[in-house]
């Protein structure tokens, strides 16, 4: 494991986080049904947090001396989060976001371990914070579904 691998993984994290941000904002705009108010507000809180995280991740990549990916094409190629398909009901939106946040947590834990192996404390700090935020979001989504 080396710095280039960490940079590559941070690029994947950024692309995936950005895709999740866009998906969450899409759901914010398009949610409907009896839980509209609750989910509209919850999704807004979540996409705002993801937007801040995009900046932190990109700045970490820059601080490691690389250019951050920043185009839709790059994000589509790098992201493991997929765009939503079809017209989803509110509960399905929550379920999809929960799965995505769990995937982000899993990837982030791998990245955290790799960064720790090479002594990259800045990335460890960033990714550790991201894991905590995404675990909280997953808990809220899971609680909505009463899982």
Protein backbone atom coordinates (compact mmCIF):
# COMPACT_ATOMS: atom_id res chain seq x y z
CA UNK A 1 0.00 0.00 0.00
CA UNK A 2 1.38 3.43 -0.91
CA UNK A 3 0.34 7.06 -1.30
CA UNK A 4 -0.83 6.56 -4.91
CA UNK A 5 -3.16 3.78 -3.77
CA UNK A 6 -4.58 6.02 -1.04
CA UNK A 7 -5.12 8.82 -3.57
CA UNK A 8 -6.87 6.39 -5.94
CA UNK A 9 -9.11 5.14 -3.12
CA UNK A 10 -9.90 8.70 -2.06
CA UNK A 11 -10.93 9.40 -5.67
CA UNK A 12 -13.31 6.45 -5.53
CA UNK A 13 -14.63 7.68 -2.18
CA UNK A 14 -15.17 11.17 -3.61
CA UNK A 15 -16.94 9.90 -6.71
CA UNK A 16 -19.14 7.58 -4.68
CA UNK A 17 -19.91 10.27 -2.10
CA UNK A 18 -20.80 12.75 -4.85
CA UNK A 19 -23.08 10.22 -6.52
CA UNK A 20 -24.76 9.55 -3.17
CA UNK A 21 -25.10 13.32 -2.63
CA UNK A 22 -26.81 13.71 -6.01
CA UNK A 23 -29.06 10.70 -5.40
CA UNK A 24 -30.08 12.02 -1.99
CA UNK A 25 -30.86 15.45 -3.43
CA UNK A 26 -32.91 13.79 -6.19
CA UNK A 27 -34.91 11.92 -3.54
CA UNK A 28 -35.36 15.17 -1.59
CA UNK A 29 -36.89 16.79 -4.66
CA UNK A 30 -39.06 13.83 -5.67
CA UNK A 31 -40.24 12.16 -2.46
CA UNK A 32 -44.00 12.04 -1.98
CA UNK A 33 -46.57 10.33 0.17
CA UNK A 34 -47.61 10.44 3.80
CA UNK A 35 -44.03 10.87 5.07
CA UNK A 36 -43.19 13.66 2.62
CA UNK A 37 -42.40 16.31 5.24
CA UNK A 38 -40.26 14.04 7.37
CA UNK A 39 -38.29 12.57 4.48
CA UNK A 40 -37.98 15.84 2.56
CA UNK A 41 -36.30 17.42 5.58
CA UNK A 42 -34.21 14.34 6.44
CA UNK A 43 -32.93 14.01 2.86
CA UNK A 44 -32.05 17.74 2.80
CA UNK A 45 -30.01 17.37 5.98
CA UNK A 46 -28.26 14.35 4.52
CA UNK A 47 -27.39 15.87 1.14
CA UNK A 48 -26.06 19.02 2.81
CA UNK A 49 -23.76 16.87 4.98
CA UNK A 50 -22.64 14.91 1.91
CA UNK A 51 -21.92 18.16 0.04
CA UNK A 52 -19.56 19.27 2.80
CA UNK A 53 -17.90 15.86 2.76
CA UNK A 54 -17.29 16.17 -1.00
CA UNK A 55 -15.20 19.25 -0.33
CA UNK A 56 -13.24 17.66 2.53
CA UNK A 57 -12.44 14.55 0.47
CA UNK A 58 -11.38 16.59 -2.59
CA UNK A 59 -9.20 18.83 -0.44
CA UNK A 60 -7.53 15.77 1.10
CA UNK A 61 -6.68 14.50 -2.39
CA UNK A 62 -5.22 17.91 -3.24
CA UNK A 63 -3.22 18.01 0.00
CA UNK A 64 -1.66 14.69 -1.04
CA UNK A 65 -0.46 16.35 -4.24
CA UNK A 66 -2.96 14.96 -6.76
CA UNK A 67 -5.79 16.45 -8.76
CA UNK A 68 -9.25 15.53 -7.48
CA UNK A 69 -11.68 13.99 -9.95
CA UNK A 70 -14.41 16.51 -10.64
CA UNK A 71 -16.41 15.65 -13.72
CA UNK A 72 -19.55 13.57 -14.11
CA UNK A 73 -17.62 11.30 -16.45
CA UNK A 74 -14.90 10.66 -13.86
CA UNK A 75 -17.47 10.19 -11.12
CA UNK A 76 -19.45 7.70 -13.22
CA UNK A 77 -16.30 5.70 -13.93
CA UNK A 78 -15.07 5.68 -10.32
CA UNK A 79 -18.26 5.46 -8.24
CA UNK A 80 -19.52 2.20 -6.80
CA UNK A 81 -22.80 3.95 -5.89
CA UNK A 82 -25.29 3.60 -8.72
CA UNK A 83 -27.83 6.14 -9.86
CA UNK A 84 -31.47 5.42 -8.95
CA UNK A 85 -33.58 3.58 -11.48
CA UNK A 86 -37.24 4.38 -12.03
CA UNK A 87 -39.82 6.12 -9.91
CA UNK A 88 -39.24 4.94 -6.36
CA UNK A 89 -41.74 5.05 -3.53
CA UNK A 90 -40.63 6.85 -0.35
CA UNK A 91 -39.82 3.68 1.60
CA UNK A 92 -37.79 2.34 -1.33
CA UNK A 93 -35.81 5.59 -1.41
CA UNK A 94 -34.95 5.11 2.26
CA UNK A 95 -34.00 1.47 1.69
CA UNK A 96 -31.75 2.37 -1.28
CA UNK A 97 -30.01 5.13 0.68
CA UNK A 98 -29.47 2.78 3.61
CA UNK A 99 -27.81 0.22 1.33
CA UNK A 100 -25.65 2.97 -0.18
CA UNK A 101 -24.53 4.31 3.18
CA UNK A 102 -23.69 0.79 4.33
CA UNK A 103 -21.59 0.32 1.17
CA UNK A 104 -19.85 3.64 1.86
CA UNK A 105 -19.10 2.55 5.43
CA UNK A 106 -17.64 -0.75 4.25
CA UNK A 107 -15.42 0.92 1.63
CA UNK A 108 -14.37 3.61 4.09
CA UNK A 109 -13.29 1.03 6.66
CA UNK A 110 -11.03 -0.59 4.06
CA UNK A 111 -9.59 2.82 3.15
CA UNK A 112 -9.09 3.61 6.84
CA UNK A 113 -7.06 0.43 7.30
CA UNK A 114 -4.94 1.17 4.23
CA UNK A 115 -4.27 4.74 5.35
CA UNK A 116 -3.29 3.52 8.82
CA UNK A 117 -0.89 0.98 7.27
CA UNK A 118 1.04 3.75 5.50
CA UNK A 119 0.87 6.18 8.43
CA UNK A 120 -1.37 8.69 6.64
CA UNK A 121 -2.91 10.29 9.73
CA UNK A 122 -4.72 13.02 7.76
CA UNK A 123 -6.61 10.46 5.71
CA UNK A 124 -7.23 8.34 8.80
CA UNK A 125 -8.80 11.36 10.52
CA UNK A 126 -10.93 12.29 7.50
CA UNK A 127 -12.16 8.76 6.86
CA UNK A 128 -12.80 8.06 10.53
CA UNK A 129 -15.02 11.14 10.69
CA UNK A 130 -16.82 10.07 7.50
CA UNK A 131 -17.49 6.61 8.95
CA UNK A 132 -19.02 8.16 12.07
CA UNK A 133 -21.26 10.46 10.02
CA UNK A 134 -22.40 7.67 7.73
CA UNK A 135 -23.05 5.28 10.59
CA UNK A 136 -25.30 7.95 12.13
CA UNK A 137 -27.12 8.44 8.81
CA UNK A 138 -27.52 4.67 8.37
CA UNK A 139 -28.96 4.45 11.88
CA UNK A 140 -31.53 7.15 11.07
CA UNK A 141 -32.52 5.47 7.81
CA UNK A 142 -32.68 2.08 9.50
CA UNK A 143 -34.82 3.53 12.29
CA UNK A 144 -37.25 4.95 9.74
CA UNK A 145 -37.62 1.46 8.28
CA UNK A 146 -37.81 0.04 11.85
CA UNK A 147 -35.13 -2.55 11.14
